[in-house]
Amino acid sequence: MRSGCHAAGLLQDPPRCGWEARVVVDWEDWTKRLKLALGADATVRLRELFASGGVFSDPVTAQTTDIASVEDITDASFPDWRQEVTASHGDRTGGAFEWIGSGTLGGGMRIEMHGCTMVELDADGLVTRWRDYFDLKEIEKQMGSTIEDFSADAGA
């Protein structure tokens, strides 16, 4: 019985007949599955793409293996979050994808941001390291205040 990424169709079977046996991630299929895990209408949870012990980080989140909390914080901060992958490139070890994200911060302020994510994959096509990069100033300009000021005002 196949499990994990094999069951999801993200990996190709190793070649037969004397070829070196190794698993190869089909990057195009991996990107399709990724798109199912992004945004408020996700049909796959982001954590399903991660290997056990996989690490996530971004400009506002310190490195963490608690991917469920990353999803929960994003869902609470942007209940209507949408993310479009605009470009992607990768191979069996990982890759990068550019994206445009948008949503209503705290349910009241519409935000759009542009970013890039680097991922490293294990032999099963699961994420061992995910690094999001985006410009916080882009968000602050739309908010008309700093992230820190907005957070302080929201907590008051």
N, C-alpha and C. Protein backbone atom coordinates (compact mmCIF):
# COMPACT_ATOMS: atom_id res chain seq x y z
N MET A 1 0.84 -1.19 0.00
CA MET A 1 0.00 0.00 0.00
C MET A 1 0.88 1.24 0.00
N ARG A 2 0.55 2.20 -0.80
CA ARG A 2 1.31 3.44 -0.87
C ARG A 2 0.83 4.40 0.20
N SER A 3 1.77 5.21 0.69
CA SER A 3 1.40 6.19 1.71
C SER A 3 2.11 7.50 1.42
N GLY A 4 1.75 8.52 2.17
CA GLY A 4 2.41 9.82 2.06
C GLY A 4 2.35 10.39 0.67
N CYS A 5 3.49 10.90 0.21
CA CYS A 5 3.54 11.54 -1.10
C CYS A 5 3.33 10.56 -2.24
N HIS A 6 3.69 9.27 -2.06
CA HIS A 6 3.42 8.29 -3.11
C HIS A 6 1.92 8.19 -3.35
N ALA A 7 1.16 8.11 -2.26
CA ALA A 7 -0.29 7.99 -2.39
C ALA A 7 -0.88 9.24 -3.03
N ALA A 8 -0.28 10.40 -2.76
CA ALA A 8 -0.78 11.65 -3.31
C ALA A 8 -0.32 11.87 -4.75
N GLY A 9 0.50 10.96 -5.25
CA GLY A 9 0.98 11.09 -6.63
C GLY A 9 2.08 12.11 -6.80
N LEU A 10 2.77 12.46 -5.71
CA LEU A 10 3.81 13.46 -5.80
C LEU A 10 5.16 12.88 -6.18
N LEU A 11 5.30 11.57 -6.10
CA LEU A 11 6.58 10.95 -6.39
C LEU A 11 6.43 9.92 -7.49
N GLN A 12 7.46 9.78 -8.27
CA GLN A 12 7.48 8.76 -9.29
C GLN A 12 8.17 7.53 -8.71
N ASP A 13 7.76 6.34 -9.15
CA ASP A 13 8.42 5.12 -8.72
C ASP A 13 9.84 5.09 -9.26
N PRO A 14 10.75 4.46 -8.52
CA PRO A 14 12.11 4.34 -9.03
C PRO A 14 12.13 3.51 -10.31
N PRO A 15 13.06 3.80 -11.21
CA PRO A 15 13.13 3.03 -12.46
C PRO A 15 13.53 1.59 -12.19
N ARG A 16 13.20 0.73 -13.13
CA ARG A 16 13.49 -0.70 -13.02
C ARG A 16 14.61 -1.09 -14.00
N CYS A 17 14.86 -2.38 -14.12
CA CYS A 17 15.76 -2.95 -15.13
C CYS A 17 17.19 -2.43 -15.04
N GLY A 18 17.78 -2.47 -13.87
CA GLY A 18 19.18 -2.13 -13.72
C GLY A 18 19.49 -0.66 -13.53
N TRP A 19 18.51 0.20 -13.64
CA TRP A 19 18.73 1.61 -13.37
C TRP A 19 18.96 1.80 -11.88
N GLU A 20 19.67 2.83 -11.53
CA GLU A 20 19.85 3.16 -10.11
C GLU A 20 18.49 3.49 -9.53
N ALA A 21 18.14 2.85 -8.43
CA ALA A 21 16.84 3.09 -7.81
C ALA A 21 16.91 4.33 -6.94
N ARG A 22 16.10 5.32 -7.28
CA ARG A 22 15.98 6.51 -6.44
C ARG A 22 14.62 7.14 -6.70
N VAL A 23 14.12 7.80 -5.71
CA VAL A 23 12.82 8.46 -5.81
C VAL A 23 13.05 9.85 -6.37
N VAL A 24 12.20 10.26 -7.28
CA VAL A 24 12.31 11.58 -7.89
C VAL A 24 11.00 12.33 -7.67
N VAL A 25 11.12 13.51 -7.11
CA VAL A 25 9.95 14.35 -6.90
C VAL A 25 9.56 14.99 -8.22
N ASP A 26 8.31 14.90 -8.56
CA ASP A 26 7.78 15.58 -9.73
C ASP A 26 7.40 16.98 -9.27
N TRP A 27 8.23 17.98 -9.58
CA TRP A 27 8.05 19.34 -9.06
C TRP A 27 6.70 19.93 -9.49
N GLU A 28 6.29 19.68 -10.72
CA GLU A 28 5.01 20.21 -11.19
C GLU A 28 3.85 19.67 -10.36
N ASP A 29 3.87 18.37 -10.08
CA ASP A 29 2.82 17.78 -9.23
C ASP A 29 2.91 18.31 -7.81
N TRP A 30 4.13 18.50 -7.31
CA TRP A 30 4.30 19.02 -5.95
C TRP A 30 3.70 20.43 -5.86
N THR A 31 3.94 21.24 -6.88
CA THR A 31 3.41 22.60 -6.91
C THR A 31 1.88 22.59 -6.97
N LYS A 32 1.30 21.66 -7.72
CA LYS A 32 -0.17 21.55 -7.76
C LYS A 32 -0.73 21.24 -6.37
N ARG A 33 -0.08 20.33 -5.66
CA ARG A 33 -0.53 20.00 -4.30
C ARG A 33 -0.35 21.19 -3.37
N LEU A 34 0.75 21.90 -3.53
CA LEU A 34 0.99 23.11 -2.74
C LEU A 34 -0.17 24.08 -2.90
N LYS A 35 -0.61 24.29 -4.13
CA LYS A 35 -1.70 25.24 -4.39
C LYS A 35 -2.98 24.84 -3.66
N LEU A 36 -3.17 23.54 -3.43
CA LEU A 36 -4.34 23.07 -2.69
C LEU A 36 -4.24 23.39 -1.20
N ALA A 37 -3.03 23.70 -0.72
CA ALA A 37 -2.81 23.95 0.70
C ALA A 37 -2.75 25.44 1.05
N LEU A 38 -2.91 26.30 0.06
CA LEU A 38 -2.78 27.74 0.30
C LEU A 38 -4.14 28.43 0.28
N GLY A 39 -4.40 29.24 1.28
CA GLY A 39 -5.58 30.07 1.27
C GLY A 39 -6.74 29.54 2.07
N ALA A 40 -7.75 30.39 2.20
CA ALA A 40 -8.92 30.09 3.02
C ALA A 40 -9.72 28.90 2.50
N ASP A 41 -9.63 28.62 1.20
CA ASP A 41 -10.39 27.51 0.64
C ASP A 41 -9.51 26.27 0.42
N ALA A 42 -8.43 26.17 1.18
CA ALA A 42 -7.49 25.05 1.04
C ALA A 42 -8.20 23.72 1.26
N THR A 43 -7.86 22.75 0.45
CA THR A 43 -8.41 21.41 0.60
C THR A 43 -7.38 20.46 1.22
N VAL A 44 -6.16 20.95 1.37
CA VAL A 44 -5.07 20.22 2.01
C VAL A 44 -4.46 21.16 3.04
N ARG A 45 -4.15 20.67 4.22
CA ARG A 45 -3.51 21.51 5.23
C ARG A 45 -2.01 21.58 4.92
N LEU A 46 -1.43 22.74 5.11
CA LEU A 46 -0.01 22.95 4.85
C LEU A 46 0.84 21.91 5.59
N ARG A 47 0.45 21.59 6.80
CA ARG A 47 1.23 20.63 7.61
C ARG A 47 1.35 19.27 6.93
N GLU A 48 0.43 18.95 6.01
CA GLU A 48 0.49 17.66 5.31
C GLU A 48 1.66 17.60 4.32
N LEU A 49 2.21 18.76 3.97
CA LEU A 49 3.33 18.80 3.04
C LEU A 49 4.67 18.67 3.76
N PHE A 50 4.67 18.70 5.10
CA PHE A 50 5.90 18.72 5.90
C PHE A 50 6.29 17.34 6.40
N ALA A 51 7.59 17.09 6.39
CA ALA A 51 8.14 15.90 7.04
C ALA A 51 8.10 16.12 8.54
N SER A 52 8.12 15.06 9.29
CA SER A 52 8.22 15.16 10.75
C SER A 52 9.49 15.94 11.07
N GLY A 53 9.37 16.97 11.88
CA GLY A 53 10.52 17.80 12.23
C GLY A 53 10.83 18.88 11.22
N GLY A 54 10.01 19.00 10.16
CA GLY A 54 10.22 20.05 9.17
C GLY A 54 10.10 21.43 9.80
N VAL A 55 10.91 22.37 9.33
CA VAL A 55 11.02 23.69 9.94
C VAL A 55 10.42 24.75 9.03
N PHE A 56 9.65 25.67 9.62
CA PHE A 56 9.04 26.81 8.92
C PHE A 56 9.61 28.09 9.51
N SER A 57 9.84 29.09 8.65
CA SER A 57 10.19 30.43 9.15
C SER A 57 9.75 31.46 8.12
N ASP A 58 9.49 32.67 8.62
CA ASP A 58 9.21 33.82 7.76
C ASP A 58 9.62 35.08 8.53
N PRO A 59 9.47 36.27 7.93
CA PRO A 59 9.94 37.48 8.61
C PRO A 59 9.29 37.78 9.96
N VAL A 60 8.12 37.20 10.23
CA VAL A 60 7.46 37.45 11.53
C VAL A 60 7.39 36.19 12.39
N THR A 61 7.81 35.05 11.87
CA THR A 61 7.74 33.79 12.61
C THR A 61 9.15 33.21 12.75
N ALA A 62 9.60 33.06 13.99
CA ALA A 62 10.89 32.41 14.22
C ALA A 62 10.80 30.97 13.76
N GLN A 63 11.94 30.35 13.51
CA GLN A 63 11.94 28.95 13.08
C GLN A 63 11.12 28.10 14.04
N THR A 64 10.22 27.29 13.46
CA THR A 64 9.37 26.43 14.28
C THR A 64 9.07 25.13 13.54
N THR A 65 8.86 24.09 14.31
CA THR A 65 8.40 22.82 13.75
C THR A 65 6.90 22.65 13.99
N ASP A 66 6.28 23.63 14.65
CA ASP A 66 4.85 23.58 14.96
C ASP A 66 4.07 24.20 13.80
N ILE A 67 3.94 23.45 12.73
CA ILE A 67 3.30 23.95 11.50
C ILE A 67 1.82 24.21 11.74
N ALA A 68 1.18 23.44 12.60
CA ALA A 68 -0.23 23.66 12.91
C ALA A 68 -0.44 25.06 13.49
N SER A 69 0.48 25.52 14.34
CA SER A 69 0.33 26.86 14.92
C SER A 69 0.52 27.94 13.86
N VAL A 70 1.39 27.70 12.89
CA VAL A 70 1.56 28.66 11.79
C VAL A 70 0.25 28.79 11.03
N GLU A 71 -0.37 27.67 10.74
CA GLU A 71 -1.67 27.68 10.04
C GLU A 71 -2.72 28.40 10.89
N ASP A 72 -2.76 28.11 12.18
CA ASP A 72 -3.76 28.72 13.07
C ASP A 72 -3.59 30.24 13.14
N ILE A 73 -2.34 30.70 13.25
CA ILE A 73 -2.07 32.15 13.32
C ILE A 73 -2.46 32.82 12.01
N THR A 74 -2.11 32.20 10.89
CA THR A 74 -2.48 32.77 9.58
C THR A 74 -4.00 32.82 9.44
N ASP A 75 -4.68 31.74 9.80
CA ASP A 75 -6.15 31.71 9.70
C ASP A 75 -6.79 32.78 10.57
N ALA A 76 -6.25 33.00 11.77
CA ALA A 76 -6.81 34.01 12.68
C ALA A 76 -6.51 35.43 12.19
N SER A 77 -5.31 35.63 11.65
CA SER A 77 -4.91 36.96 11.20
C SER A 77 -5.59 37.35 9.89
N PHE A 78 -5.72 36.39 8.98
CA PHE A 78 -6.31 36.61 7.66
C PHE A 78 -7.36 35.53 7.41
N PRO A 79 -8.58 35.69 7.92
CA PRO A 79 -9.58 34.63 7.75
C PRO A 79 -9.95 34.36 6.29
N ASP A 80 -9.68 35.30 5.41
CA ASP A 80 -10.02 35.13 3.99
C ASP A 80 -8.76 35.09 3.11
N TRP A 81 -7.64 34.64 3.67
CA TRP A 81 -6.36 34.62 2.97
C TRP A 81 -6.44 33.87 1.64
N ARG A 82 -5.89 34.47 0.60
CA ARG A 82 -5.75 33.85 -0.72
C ARG A 82 -4.29 33.98 -1.12
N GLN A 83 -3.75 32.96 -1.74
CA GLN A 83 -2.36 33.01 -2.18
C GLN A 83 -2.25 32.36 -3.54
N GLU A 84 -1.72 33.12 -4.49
CA GLU A 84 -1.55 32.65 -5.86
C GLU A 84 -0.08 32.43 -6.13
N VAL A 85 0.28 31.24 -6.59
CA VAL A 85 1.65 30.96 -7.00
C VAL A 85 1.79 31.47 -8.43
N THR A 86 2.73 32.42 -8.63
CA THR A 86 2.89 33.04 -9.94
C THR A 86 4.05 32.46 -10.74
N ALA A 87 5.00 31.84 -10.07
CA ALA A 87 6.14 31.20 -10.74
C ALA A 87 6.72 30.16 -9.80
N SER A 88 7.32 29.14 -10.37
CA SER A 88 7.88 28.07 -9.56
C SER A 88 8.99 27.36 -10.31
N HIS A 89 10.00 26.96 -9.56
CA HIS A 89 11.10 26.19 -10.15
C HIS A 89 11.66 25.27 -9.09
N GLY A 90 11.88 24.02 -9.44
CA GLY A 90 12.44 23.11 -8.46
C GLY A 90 12.93 21.82 -9.07
N ASP A 91 13.51 21.01 -8.20
CA ASP A 91 13.98 19.69 -8.59
C ASP A 91 13.73 18.73 -7.43
N ARG A 92 14.37 17.59 -7.43
CA ARG A 92 14.09 16.58 -6.41
C ARG A 92 14.52 16.98 -5.00
N THR A 93 15.33 18.01 -4.87
CA THR A 93 15.81 18.42 -3.55
C THR A 93 15.05 19.61 -2.97
N GLY A 94 14.27 20.27 -3.80
CA GLY A 94 13.54 21.45 -3.33
C GLY A 94 13.34 22.44 -4.44
N GLY A 95 13.00 23.66 -4.06
CA GLY A 95 12.77 24.67 -5.07
C GLY A 95 12.30 25.96 -4.47
N ALA A 96 11.80 26.81 -5.34
CA ALA A 96 11.32 28.13 -4.93
C ALA A 96 10.05 28.44 -5.70
N PHE A 97 9.20 29.23 -5.07
CA PHE A 97 8.02 29.72 -5.79
C PHE A 97 7.72 31.14 -5.35
N GLU A 98 7.34 31.96 -6.34
CA GLU A 98 6.90 33.33 -6.08
C GLU A 98 5.40 33.31 -5.88
N TRP A 99 4.91 34.24 -5.09
CA TRP A 99 3.49 34.26 -4.81
C TRP A 99 3.00 35.68 -4.54
N ILE A 100 1.69 35.84 -4.69
CA ILE A 100 0.98 37.06 -4.29
C ILE A 100 -0.08 36.61 -3.31
N GLY A 101 -0.05 37.19 -2.12
CA GLY A 101 -1.04 36.87 -1.09
C GLY A 101 -1.91 38.06 -0.81
N SER A 102 -3.18 37.80 -0.48
CA SER A 102 -4.09 38.89 -0.13
C SER A 102 -5.10 38.38 0.88
N GLY A 103 -5.56 39.30 1.69
CA GLY A 103 -6.56 38.96 2.69
C GLY A 103 -6.90 40.18 3.52
N THR A 104 -7.85 40.00 4.40
CA THR A 104 -8.30 41.08 5.26
C THR A 104 -7.68 40.87 6.64
N LEU A 105 -6.71 41.69 6.98
CA LEU A 105 -5.99 41.59 8.24
C LEU A 105 -6.93 41.89 9.39
N GLY A 106 -7.05 40.93 10.29
CA GLY A 106 -7.93 41.11 11.44
C GLY A 106 -9.39 41.27 11.05
N GLY A 107 -9.73 40.90 9.84
CA GLY A 107 -11.11 41.00 9.38
C GLY A 107 -11.51 42.39 8.94
N GLY A 108 -10.56 43.37 8.93
CA GLY A 108 -10.97 44.73 8.60
C GLY A 108 -10.15 45.46 7.56
N MET A 109 -8.86 45.16 7.44
CA MET A 109 -7.98 45.92 6.55
C MET A 109 -7.46 45.02 5.44
N ARG A 110 -7.77 45.38 4.20
CA ARG A 110 -7.35 44.59 3.04
C ARG A 110 -5.85 44.78 2.81
N ILE A 111 -5.12 43.67 2.68
CA ILE A 111 -3.67 43.68 2.49
C ILE A 111 -3.34 42.80 1.28
N GLU A 112 -2.36 43.25 0.49
CA GLU A 112 -1.80 42.41 -0.57
C GLU A 112 -0.29 42.44 -0.41
N MET A 113 0.34 41.28 -0.54
CA MET A 113 1.80 41.25 -0.45
C MET A 113 2.37 40.25 -1.44
N HIS A 114 3.62 40.49 -1.78
CA HIS A 114 4.35 39.66 -2.73
C HIS A 114 5.50 38.99 -2.00
N GLY A 115 5.75 37.73 -2.32
CA GLY A 115 6.83 37.04 -1.64
C GLY A 115 7.40 35.90 -2.46
N CYS A 116 8.38 35.28 -1.85
CA CYS A 116 9.04 34.12 -2.44
C CYS A 116 9.29 33.13 -1.32
N THR A 117 9.13 31.87 -1.61
CA THR A 117 9.34 30.81 -0.63
C THR A 117 10.37 29.83 -1.18
N MET A 118 11.31 29.47 -0.33
CA MET A 118 12.30 28.44 -0.63
C MET A 118 11.94 27.21 0.18
N VAL A 119 11.92 26.05 -0.46
CA VAL A 119 11.65 24.81 0.26
C VAL A 119 12.75 23.79 -0.03
N GLU A 120 13.06 23.01 1.00
CA GLU A 120 13.95 21.86 0.85
C GLU A 120 13.11 20.63 1.12
N LEU A 121 13.31 19.58 0.30
CA LEU A 121 12.49 18.38 0.37
C LEU A 121 13.34 17.16 0.72
N ASP A 122 12.71 16.22 1.42
CA ASP A 122 13.38 14.95 1.68
C ASP A 122 13.12 13.99 0.52
N ALA A 123 13.61 12.77 0.62
CA ALA A 123 13.48 11.80 -0.45
C ALA A 123 12.03 11.42 -0.75
N ASP A 124 11.13 11.68 0.22
CA ASP A 124 9.71 11.39 0.02
C ASP A 124 8.94 12.60 -0.51
N GLY A 125 9.64 13.70 -0.80
CA GLY A 125 8.98 14.89 -1.31
C GLY A 125 8.31 15.73 -0.24
N LEU A 126 8.66 15.50 1.02
CA LEU A 126 8.08 16.28 2.12
C LEU A 126 9.05 17.39 2.52
N VAL A 127 8.49 18.51 2.96
CA VAL A 127 9.29 19.69 3.30
C VAL A 127 10.08 19.47 4.59
N THR A 128 11.38 19.69 4.49
CA THR A 128 12.22 19.67 5.69
C THR A 128 12.56 21.08 6.14
N ARG A 129 12.49 22.03 5.20
CA ARG A 129 12.76 23.43 5.54
C ARG A 129 11.97 24.32 4.59
N TRP A 130 11.22 25.26 5.16
CA TRP A 130 10.38 26.21 4.40
C TRP A 130 10.75 27.60 4.89
N ARG A 131 11.17 28.46 3.95
CA ARG A 131 11.53 29.83 4.31
C ARG A 131 10.76 30.79 3.42
N ASP A 132 9.87 31.57 4.05
CA ASP A 132 9.13 32.61 3.34
C ASP A 132 9.91 33.91 3.41
N TYR A 133 9.91 34.64 2.31
CA TYR A 133 10.53 35.96 2.26
C TYR A 133 9.51 36.94 1.71
N PHE A 134 9.28 38.02 2.45
CA PHE A 134 8.43 39.10 1.96
C PHE A 134 8.83 40.37 2.68
N ASP A 135 8.44 41.51 2.11
CA ASP A 135 8.83 42.82 2.61
C ASP A 135 7.76 43.35 3.57
N LEU A 136 8.10 43.43 4.85
CA LEU A 136 7.15 43.95 5.83
C LEU A 136 6.77 45.40 5.55
N LYS A 137 7.67 46.16 4.92
CA LYS A 137 7.36 47.56 4.60
C LYS A 137 6.20 47.66 3.61
N GLU A 138 6.07 46.68 2.72
CA GLU A 138 4.95 46.66 1.78
C GLU A 138 3.63 46.59 2.55
N ILE A 139 3.61 45.77 3.60
CA ILE A 139 2.42 45.64 4.43
C ILE A 139 2.19 46.91 5.25
N GLU A 140 3.26 47.43 5.85
CA GLU A 140 3.14 48.62 6.69
C GLU A 140 2.63 49.82 5.90
N LYS A 141 3.05 49.97 4.64
CA LYS A 141 2.57 51.08 3.81
C LYS A 141 1.05 50.98 3.62
N GLN A 142 0.55 49.77 3.43
CA GLN A 142 -0.89 49.58 3.25
C GLN A 142 -1.65 49.83 4.55
N MET A 143 -1.01 49.50 5.68
CA MET A 143 -1.65 49.67 6.98
C MET A 143 -1.58 51.12 7.46
N GLY A 144 -0.60 51.87 6.98
CA GLY A 144 -0.42 53.23 7.45
C GLY A 144 0.22 53.28 8.83
N SER A 145 0.81 52.18 9.27
CA SER A 145 1.51 52.13 10.55
C SER A 145 2.46 50.94 10.54
N THR A 146 3.29 50.85 11.56
CA THR A 146 4.21 49.72 11.65
C THR A 146 3.44 48.49 12.16
N ILE A 147 4.02 47.34 11.93
CA ILE A 147 3.44 46.08 12.42
C ILE A 147 3.31 46.16 13.94
N GLU A 148 4.36 46.67 14.60
CA GLU A 148 4.35 46.76 16.07
C GLU A 148 3.24 47.67 16.56
N ASP A 149 3.05 48.85 15.92
CA ASP A 149 1.99 49.76 16.33
C ASP A 149 0.61 49.14 16.11
N PHE A 150 0.43 48.46 14.97
CA PHE A 150 -0.83 47.82 14.68
C PHE A 150 -1.13 46.74 15.72
N SER A 151 -0.13 45.92 16.06
CA SER A 151 -0.32 44.86 17.04
C SER A 151 -0.66 45.43 18.40
N ALA A 152 0.00 46.52 18.78
CA ALA A 152 -0.28 47.15 20.07
C ALA A 152 -1.69 47.71 20.11
N ASP A 153 -2.11 48.34 18.99
CA ASP A 153 -3.47 48.90 18.93
C ASP A 153 -4.52 47.79 18.96
N ALA A 154 -4.23 46.67 18.31
CA ALA A 154 -5.18 45.55 18.27
C ALA A 154 -5.33 44.92 19.64
N GLY A 155 -4.25 44.95 20.44
CA GLY A 155 -4.30 44.35 21.78
C GLY A 155 -4.89 45.27 22.82
N ALA A 156 -5.04 46.54 22.49
CA ALA A 156 -5.57 47.51 23.46
C ALA A 156 -7.07 47.46 23.57
